[in-house]
Amino acid sequence: MKLLAAILLLLAFTGGILYHATVAPLPPDPEPLVVVTKGDLAKIYLLGREIAITQKAEPELLEDGGLDDAMIRNMLL
């Protein structure tokens, strides 16, 4: 009886050690990164300008010294 108890105890400890020694499961796949191209940025910029014009923004807000509309349209082609 003592021998059976000792064997079961040894198996329990061995099983616990082996269980904790296994490699942890891999984390779930991360979400893919959002990729924005130059063309997408140009479309967003032009859309923002159109919204500003239709909302009658002040002219100095529209002239920020950045890319002009022709350069942006060329990027879209």
PDB file of N, CA and C in Angstrom:
ATOM      1  N   MET A   1       0.820  -1.194   0.000  1.00  0.00           N
ATOM      2  CA  MET A   1       0.000   0.000   0.000  1.00  0.00           C
ATOM      3  C   MET A   1       0.869   1.265   0.000  1.00  0.00           C
ATOM      4  N   LYS A   2       1.931   1.211   0.846  1.00  0.00           N
ATOM      5  CA  LYS A   2       2.834   2.357   0.879  1.00  0.00           C
ATOM      6  C   LYS A   2       3.557   2.504  -0.463  1.00  0.00           C
ATOM      7  N   LEU A   3       3.867   1.377  -1.069  1.00  0.00           N
ATOM      8  CA  LEU A   3       4.543   1.417  -2.362  1.00  0.00           C
ATOM      9  C   LEU A   3       3.640   2.043  -3.428  1.00  0.00           C
ATOM     10  N   LEU A   4       2.373   1.695  -3.428  1.00  0.00           N
ATOM     11  CA  LEU A   4       1.412   2.267  -4.375  1.00  0.00           C
ATOM     12  C   LEU A   4       1.251   3.769  -4.145  1.00  0.00           C
ATOM     13  N   ALA A   5       1.178   4.181  -2.880  1.00  0.00           N
ATOM     14  CA  ALA A   5       1.063   5.605  -2.558  1.00  0.00           C
ATOM     15  C   ALA A   5       2.317   6.355  -3.001  1.00  0.00           C
ATOM     16  N   ALA A   6       3.481   5.761  -2.807  1.00  0.00           N
ATOM     17  CA  ALA A   6       4.738   6.400  -3.199  1.00  0.00           C
ATOM     18  C   ALA A   6       4.810   6.543  -4.717  1.00  0.00           C
ATOM     19  N   ILE A   7       4.376   5.508  -5.443  1.00  0.00           N
ATOM     20  CA  ILE A   7       4.389   5.569  -6.908  1.00  0.00           C
ATOM     21  C   ILE A   7       3.423   6.640  -7.411  1.00  0.00           C
ATOM     22  N   LEU A   8       2.232   6.700  -6.841  1.00  0.00           N
ATOM     23  CA  LEU A   8       1.260   7.725  -7.256  1.00  0.00           C
ATOM     24  C   LEU A   8       1.769   9.132  -6.942  1.00  0.00           C
ATOM     25  N   LEU A   9       2.397   9.291  -5.777  1.00  0.00           N
ATOM     26  CA  LEU A   9       2.948  10.590  -5.400  1.00  0.00           C
ATOM     27  C   LEU A   9       4.075  10.983  -6.357  1.00  0.00           C
ATOM     28  N   LEU A  10       4.930  10.030  -6.696  1.00  0.00           N
ATOM     29  CA  LEU A  10       6.019  10.292  -7.631  1.00  0.00           C
ATOM     30  C   LEU A  10       5.482  10.662  -9.011  1.00  0.00           C
ATOM     31  N   LEU A  11       4.453   9.959  -9.465  1.00  0.00           N
ATOM     32  CA  LEU A  11       3.837  10.291 -10.756  1.00  0.00           C
ATOM     33  C   LEU A  11       3.200  11.676 -10.736  1.00  0.00           C
ATOM     34  N   ALA A  12       2.579  12.042  -9.629  1.00  0.00           N
ATOM     35  CA  ALA A  12       1.953  13.361  -9.528  1.00  0.00           C
ATOM     36  C   ALA A  12       3.006  14.462  -9.596  1.00  0.00           C
ATOM     37  N   PHE A  13       4.113  14.285  -8.858  1.00  0.00           N
ATOM     38  CA  PHE A  13       5.173  15.292  -8.891  1.00  0.00           C
ATOM     39  C   PHE A  13       5.824  15.369 -10.271  1.00  0.00           C
ATOM     40  N   THR A  14       6.063  14.205 -10.886  1.00  0.00           N
ATOM     41  CA  THR A  14       6.669  14.178 -12.212  1.00  0.00           C
ATOM     42  C   THR A  14       5.747  14.839 -13.236  1.00  0.00           C
ATOM     43  N   GLY A  15       4.460  14.552 -13.153  1.00  0.00           N
ATOM     44  CA  GLY A  15       3.503  15.182 -14.064  1.00  0.00           C
ATOM     45  C   GLY A  15       3.456  16.687 -13.887  1.00  0.00           C
ATOM     46  N   GLY A  16       3.503  17.159 -12.646  1.00  0.00           N
ATOM     47  CA  GLY A  16       3.505  18.600 -12.381  1.00  0.00           C
ATOM     48  C   GLY A  16       4.745  19.279 -12.917  1.00  0.00           C
ATOM     49  N   ILE A  17       5.896  18.620 -12.734  1.00  0.00           N
ATOM     50  CA  ILE A  17       7.153  19.189 -13.234  1.00  0.00           C
ATOM     51  C   ILE A  17       7.131  19.248 -14.761  1.00  0.00           C
ATOM     52  N   LEU A  18       6.690  18.174 -15.386  1.00  0.00           N
ATOM     53  CA  LEU A  18       6.632  18.166 -16.850  1.00  0.00           C
ATOM     54  C   LEU A  18       5.622  19.173 -17.380  1.00  0.00           C
ATOM     55  N   TYR A  19       4.518  19.341 -16.677  1.00  0.00           N
ATOM     56  CA  TYR A  19       3.500  20.299 -17.120  1.00  0.00           C
ATOM     57  C   TYR A  19       4.061  21.721 -17.095  1.00  0.00           C
ATOM     58  N   HIS A  20       4.795  22.063 -16.033  1.00  0.00           N
ATOM     59  CA  HIS A  20       5.331  23.419 -15.913  1.00  0.00           C
ATOM     60  C   HIS A  20       6.571  23.630 -16.770  1.00  0.00           C
ATOM     61  N   ALA A  21       7.183  22.556 -17.235  1.00  0.00           N
ATOM     62  CA  ALA A  21       8.383  22.678 -18.055  1.00  0.00           C
ATOM     63  C   ALA A  21       8.061  22.833 -19.535  1.00  0.00           C
ATOM     64  N   THR A  22       6.809  22.673 -19.906  1.00  0.00           N
ATOM     65  CA  THR A  22       6.456  22.795 -21.319  1.00  0.00           C
ATOM     66  C   THR A  22       6.546  24.246 -21.764  1.00  0.00           C
ATOM     67  N   VAL A  23       6.683  24.436 -23.059  1.00  0.00           N
ATOM     68  CA  VAL A  23       6.790  25.780 -23.632  1.00  0.00           C
ATOM     69  C   VAL A  23       5.418  26.447 -23.582  1.00  0.00           C
ATOM     70  N   ALA A  24       5.414  27.712 -23.223  1.00  0.00           N
ATOM     71  CA  ALA A  24       4.159  28.466 -23.173  1.00  0.00           C
ATOM     72  C   ALA A  24       3.589  28.603 -24.584  1.00  0.00           C
ATOM     73  N   PRO A  25       2.275  28.618 -24.719  1.00  0.00           N
ATOM     74  CA  PRO A  25       1.685  28.770 -26.058  1.00  0.00           C
ATOM     75  C   PRO A  25       2.000  30.142 -26.636  1.00  0.00           C
ATOM     76  N   LEU A  26       2.047  30.188 -27.946  1.00  0.00           N
ATOM     77  CA  LEU A  26       2.335  31.450 -28.629  1.00  0.00           C
ATOM     78  C   LEU A  26       1.174  32.424 -28.457  1.00  0.00           C
ATOM     79  N   PRO A  27       1.479  33.724 -28.369  1.00  0.00           N
ATOM     80  CA  PRO A  27       0.397  34.710 -28.282  1.00  0.00           C
ATOM     81  C   PRO A  27      -0.366  34.761 -29.604  1.00  0.00           C
ATOM     82  N   PRO A  28      -1.578  35.279 -29.587  1.00  0.00           N
ATOM     83  CA  PRO A  28      -2.339  35.376 -30.840  1.00  0.00           C
ATOM     84  C   PRO A  28      -1.645  36.320 -31.819  1.00  0.00           C
ATOM     85  N   ASP A  29      -1.943  36.134 -33.090  1.00  0.00           N
ATOM     86  CA  ASP A  29      -1.338  36.971 -34.124  1.00  0.00           C
ATOM     87  C   ASP A  29      -1.704  38.432 -33.893  1.00  0.00           C
ATOM     88  N   PRO A  30      -0.713  39.339 -33.987  1.00  0.00           N
ATOM     89  CA  PRO A  30      -1.025  40.761 -33.809  1.00  0.00           C
ATOM     90  C   PRO A  30      -1.831  41.286 -34.991  1.00  0.00           C
ATOM     91  N   GLU A  31      -2.527  42.372 -34.761  1.00  0.00           N
ATOM     92  CA  GLU A  31      -3.287  43.009 -35.833  1.00  0.00           C
ATOM     93  C   GLU A  31      -2.306  43.563 -36.868  1.00  0.00           C
ATOM     94  N   PRO A  32      -2.617  43.444 -38.142  1.00  0.00           N
ATOM     95  CA  PRO A  32      -1.704  43.987 -39.153  1.00  0.00           C
ATOM     96  C   PRO A  32      -1.648  45.514 -39.063  1.00  0.00           C
ATOM     97  N   LEU A  33      -0.480  46.047 -39.356  1.00  0.00           N
ATOM     98  CA  LEU A  33      -0.307  47.492 -39.317  1.00  0.00           C
ATOM     99  C   LEU A  33      -1.039  48.139 -40.489  1.00  0.00           C
ATOM    100  N   VAL A  34      -1.492  49.343 -40.266  1.00  0.00           N
ATOM    101  CA  VAL A  34      -2.162  50.095 -41.329  1.00  0.00           C
ATOM    102  C   VAL A  34      -1.086  50.789 -42.154  1.00  0.00           C
ATOM    103  N   VAL A  35      -1.121  50.563 -43.440  1.00  0.00           N
ATOM    104  CA  VAL A  35      -0.140  51.165 -44.342  1.00  0.00           C
ATOM    105  C   VAL A  35      -0.835  52.264 -45.130  1.00  0.00           C
ATOM    106  N   VAL A  36      -0.270  53.470 -45.060  1.00  0.00           N
ATOM    107  CA  VAL A  36      -0.826  54.615 -45.783  1.00  0.00           C
ATOM    108  C   VAL A  36       0.203  55.040 -46.818  1.00  0.00           C
ATOM    109  N   THR A  37      -0.218  55.069 -48.069  1.00  0.00           N
ATOM    110  CA  THR A  37       0.691  55.454 -49.146  1.00  0.00           C
ATOM    111  C   THR A  37       0.652  56.968 -49.350  1.00  0.00           C
ATOM    112  N   LYS A  38       1.576  57.440 -50.177  1.00  0.00           N
ATOM    113  CA  LYS A  38       1.588  58.870 -50.502  1.00  0.00           C
ATOM    114  C   LYS A  38       0.286  59.273 -51.176  1.00  0.00           C
ATOM    115  N   GLY A  39      -0.215  58.410 -52.043  1.00  0.00           N
ATOM    116  CA  GLY A  39      -1.471  58.712 -52.729  1.00  0.00           C
ATOM    117  C   GLY A  39      -2.631  58.840 -51.760  1.00  0.00           C
ATOM    118  N   ASP A  40      -2.655  57.961 -50.741  1.00  0.00           N
ATOM    119  CA  ASP A  40      -3.711  58.053 -49.733  1.00  0.00           C
ATOM    120  C   ASP A  40      -3.607  59.362 -48.959  1.00  0.00           C
ATOM    121  N   LEU A  41      -2.379  59.737 -48.607  1.00  0.00           N
ATOM    122  CA  LEU A  41      -2.193  60.999 -47.891  1.00  0.00           C
ATOM    123  C   LEU A  41      -2.622  62.183 -48.749  1.00  0.00           C
ATOM    124  N   ALA A  42      -2.324  62.113 -50.038  1.00  0.00           N
ATOM    125  CA  ALA A  42      -2.722  63.195 -50.937  1.00  0.00           C
ATOM    126  C   ALA A  42      -4.240  63.289 -51.028  1.00  0.00           C
ATOM    127  N   LYS A  43      -4.911  62.139 -51.100  1.00  0.00           N
ATOM    128  CA  LYS A  43      -6.377  62.151 -51.146  1.00  0.00           C
ATOM    129  C   LYS A  43      -6.956  62.749 -49.866  1.00  0.00           C
ATOM    130  N   ILE A  44      -6.370  62.391 -48.728  1.00  0.00           N
ATOM    131  CA  ILE A  44      -6.843  62.942 -47.454  1.00  0.00           C
ATOM    132  C   ILE A  44      -6.631  64.453 -47.426  1.00  0.00           C
ATOM    133  N   TYR A  45      -5.467  64.904 -47.915  1.00  0.00           N
ATOM    134  CA  TYR A  45      -5.173  66.331 -47.940  1.00  0.00           C
ATOM    135  C   TYR A  45      -6.171  67.081 -48.824  1.00  0.00           C
ATOM    136  N   LEU A  46      -6.407  66.538 -50.033  1.00  0.00           N
ATOM    137  CA  LEU A  46      -7.347  67.197 -50.944  1.00  0.00           C
ATOM    138  C   LEU A  46      -8.760  67.207 -50.375  1.00  0.00           C
ATOM    139  N   LEU A  47      -9.151  66.121 -49.735  1.00  0.00           N
ATOM    140  CA  LEU A  47     -10.473  66.080 -49.118  1.00  0.00           C
ATOM    141  C   LEU A  47     -10.582  67.121 -48.010  1.00  0.00           C
ATOM    142  N   GLY A  48      -9.516  67.259 -47.229  1.00  0.00           N
ATOM    143  CA  GLY A  48      -9.511  68.278 -46.176  1.00  0.00           C
ATOM    144  C   GLY A  48      -9.619  69.682 -46.743  1.00  0.00           C
ATOM    145  N   ARG A  49      -8.927  69.921 -47.858  1.00  0.00           N
ATOM    146  CA  ARG A  49      -9.023  71.246 -48.494  1.00  0.00           C
ATOM    147  C   ARG A  49     -10.427  71.504 -49.008  1.00  0.00           C
ATOM    148  N   GLU A  50     -11.035  70.488 -49.619  1.00  0.00           N
ATOM    149  CA  GLU A  50     -12.405  70.655 -50.120  1.00  0.00           C
ATOM    150  C   GLU A  50     -13.367  70.941 -48.972  1.00  0.00           C
ATOM    151  N   ILE A  51     -13.200  70.250 -47.874  1.00  0.00           N
ATOM    152  CA  ILE A  51     -14.064  70.497 -46.712  1.00  0.00           C
ATOM    153  C   ILE A  51     -13.849  71.909 -46.195  1.00  0.00           C
ATOM    154  N   ALA A  52     -12.574  72.340 -46.126  1.00  0.00           N
ATOM    155  CA  ALA A  52     -12.286  73.688 -45.638  1.00  0.00           C
ATOM    156  C   ALA A  52     -12.880  74.740 -46.564  1.00  0.00           C
ATOM    157  N   ILE A  53     -12.814  74.495 -47.869  1.00  0.00           N
ATOM    158  CA  ILE A  53     -13.362  75.464 -48.827  1.00  0.00           C
ATOM    159  C   ILE A  53     -14.882  75.517 -48.711  1.00  0.00           C
ATOM    160  N   THR A  54     -15.523  74.356 -48.606  1.00  0.00           N
ATOM    161  CA  THR A  54     -16.988  74.349 -48.518  1.00  0.00           C
ATOM    162  C   THR A  54     -17.473  74.909 -47.185  1.00  0.00           C
ATOM    163  N   GLN A  55     -16.643  74.824 -46.155  1.00  0.00           N
ATOM    164  CA  GLN A  55     -17.019  75.394 -44.859  1.00  0.00           C
ATOM    165  C   GLN A  55     -16.601  76.862 -44.756  1.00  0.00           C
ATOM    166  N   LYS A  56     -16.056  77.391 -45.854  1.00  0.00           N
ATOM    167  CA  LYS A  56     -15.641  78.789 -45.949  1.00  0.00           C
ATOM    168  C   LYS A  56     -14.608  79.149 -44.875  1.00  0.00           C
ATOM    169  N   ALA A  57     -13.526  78.371 -44.855  1.00  0.00           N
ATOM    170  CA  ALA A  57     -12.424  78.663 -43.937  1.00  0.00           C
ATOM    171  C   ALA A  57     -11.707  79.915 -44.414  1.00  0.00           C
ATOM    172  N   GLU A  58     -11.015  80.553 -43.510  1.00  0.00           N
ATOM    173  CA  GLU A  58     -10.298  81.766 -43.865  1.00  0.00           C
ATOM    174  C   GLU A  58      -9.152  81.418 -44.818  1.00  0.00           C
ATOM    175  N   PRO A  59      -8.851  82.295 -45.801  1.00  0.00           N
ATOM    176  CA  PRO A  59      -7.838  81.984 -46.819  1.00  0.00           C
ATOM    177  C   PRO A  59      -6.462  81.664 -46.238  1.00  0.00           C
ATOM    178  N   GLU A  60      -6.063  82.330 -45.153  1.00  0.00           N
ATOM    179  CA  GLU A  60      -4.724  82.065 -44.614  1.00  0.00           C
ATOM    180  C   GLU A  60      -4.617  80.651 -44.041  1.00  0.00           C
ATOM    181  N   LEU A  61      -5.750  80.048 -43.698  1.00  0.00           N
ATOM    182  CA  LEU A  61      -5.707  78.669 -43.218  1.00  0.00           C
ATOM    183  C   LEU A  61      -5.497  77.690 -44.370  1.00  0.00           C
ATOM    184  N   LEU A  62      -5.897  78.093 -45.576  1.00  0.00           N
ATOM    185  CA  LEU A  62      -5.752  77.207 -46.728  1.00  0.00           C
ATOM    186  C   LEU A  62      -4.357  77.281 -47.333  1.00  0.00           C
ATOM    187  N   GLU A  63      -3.655  78.370 -47.103  1.00  0.00           N
ATOM    188  CA  GLU A  63      -2.317  78.543 -47.673  1.00  0.00           C
ATOM    189  C   GLU A  63      -1.288  78.307 -46.575  1.00  0.00           C
ATOM    190  N   ASP A  64      -0.929  77.027 -46.401  1.00  0.00           N
ATOM    191  CA  ASP A  64       0.007  76.708 -45.329  1.00  0.00           C
ATOM    192  C   ASP A  64       1.442  76.601 -45.818  1.00  0.00           C
ATOM    193  N   GLY A  65       1.676  76.872 -47.088  1.00  0.00           N
ATOM    194  CA  GLY A  65       3.034  76.808 -47.609  1.00  0.00           C
ATOM    195  C   GLY A  65       3.491  75.393 -47.896  1.00  0.00           C
ATOM    196  N   GLY A  66       2.590  74.431 -47.820  1.00  0.00           N
ATOM    197  CA  GLY A  66       2.946  73.035 -48.079  1.00  0.00           C
ATOM    198  C   GLY A  66       2.827  72.716 -49.551  1.00  0.00           C
ATOM    199  N   LEU A  67       2.445  71.516 -49.840  1.00  0.00           N
ATOM    200  CA  LEU A  67       2.273  71.096 -51.228  1.00  0.00           C
ATOM    201  C   LEU A  67       1.081  71.808 -51.844  1.00  0.00           C
ATOM    202  N   ASP A  68       1.245  72.226 -53.078  1.00  0.00           N
ATOM    203  CA  ASP A  68       0.094  72.821 -53.743  1.00  0.00           C
ATOM    204  C   ASP A  68      -0.739  71.720 -54.398  1.00  0.00           C
ATOM    205  N   ASP A  69      -1.924  72.080 -54.826  1.00  0.00           N
ATOM    206  CA  ASP A  69      -2.860  71.088 -55.358  1.00  0.00           C
ATOM    207  C   ASP A  69      -2.322  70.385 -56.596  1.00  0.00           C
ATOM    208  N   ALA A  70      -1.576  71.093 -57.444  1.00  0.00           N
ATOM    209  CA  ALA A  70      -1.041  70.470 -58.661  1.00  0.00           C
ATOM    210  C   ALA A  70      -0.047  69.370 -58.313  1.00  0.00           C
ATOM    211  N   MET A  71       0.808  69.611 -57.328  1.00  0.00           N
ATOM    212  CA  MET A  71       1.768  68.589 -56.919  1.00  0.00           C
ATOM    213  C   MET A  71       1.042  67.373 -56.350  1.00  0.00           C
ATOM    214  N   ILE A  72      -0.009  67.616 -55.611  1.00  0.00           N
ATOM    215  CA  ILE A  72      -0.762  66.508 -55.021  1.00  0.00           C
ATOM    216  C   ILE A  72      -1.472  65.720 -56.109  1.00  0.00           C
ATOM    217  N   ARG A  73      -2.051  66.403 -57.076  1.00  0.00           N
ATOM    218  CA  ARG A  73      -2.720  65.693 -58.171  1.00  0.00           C
ATOM    219  C   ARG A  73      -1.722  64.854 -58.967  1.00  0.00           C
ATOM    220  N   ASN A  74      -0.491  65.357 -59.137  1.00  0.00           N
ATOM    221  CA  ASN A  74       0.537  64.580 -59.839  1.00  0.00           C
ATOM    222  C   ASN A  74       0.898  63.320 -59.058  1.00  0.00           C
ATOM    223  N   MET A  75       0.872  63.400 -57.733  1.00  0.00           N
ATOM    224  CA  MET A  75       1.150  62.212 -56.930  1.00  0.00           C
ATOM    225  C   MET A  75       0.046  61.182 -57.079  1.00  0.00           C
ATOM    226  N   LEU A  76      -1.173  61.641 -57.345  1.00  0.00           N
ATOM    227  CA  LEU A  76      -2.289  60.711 -57.481  1.00  0.00           C
ATOM    228  C   LEU A  76      -2.249  59.950 -58.796  1.00  0.00           C
ATOM    229  N   LEU A  77      -1.559  60.489 -59.789  1.00  0.00           N
ATOM    230  CA  LEU A  77      -1.519  59.839 -61.110  1.00  0.00           C
ATOM    231  C   LEU A  77      -0.583  58.657 -61.140  1.00  0.00           C
TER     232      LEU A  77
END
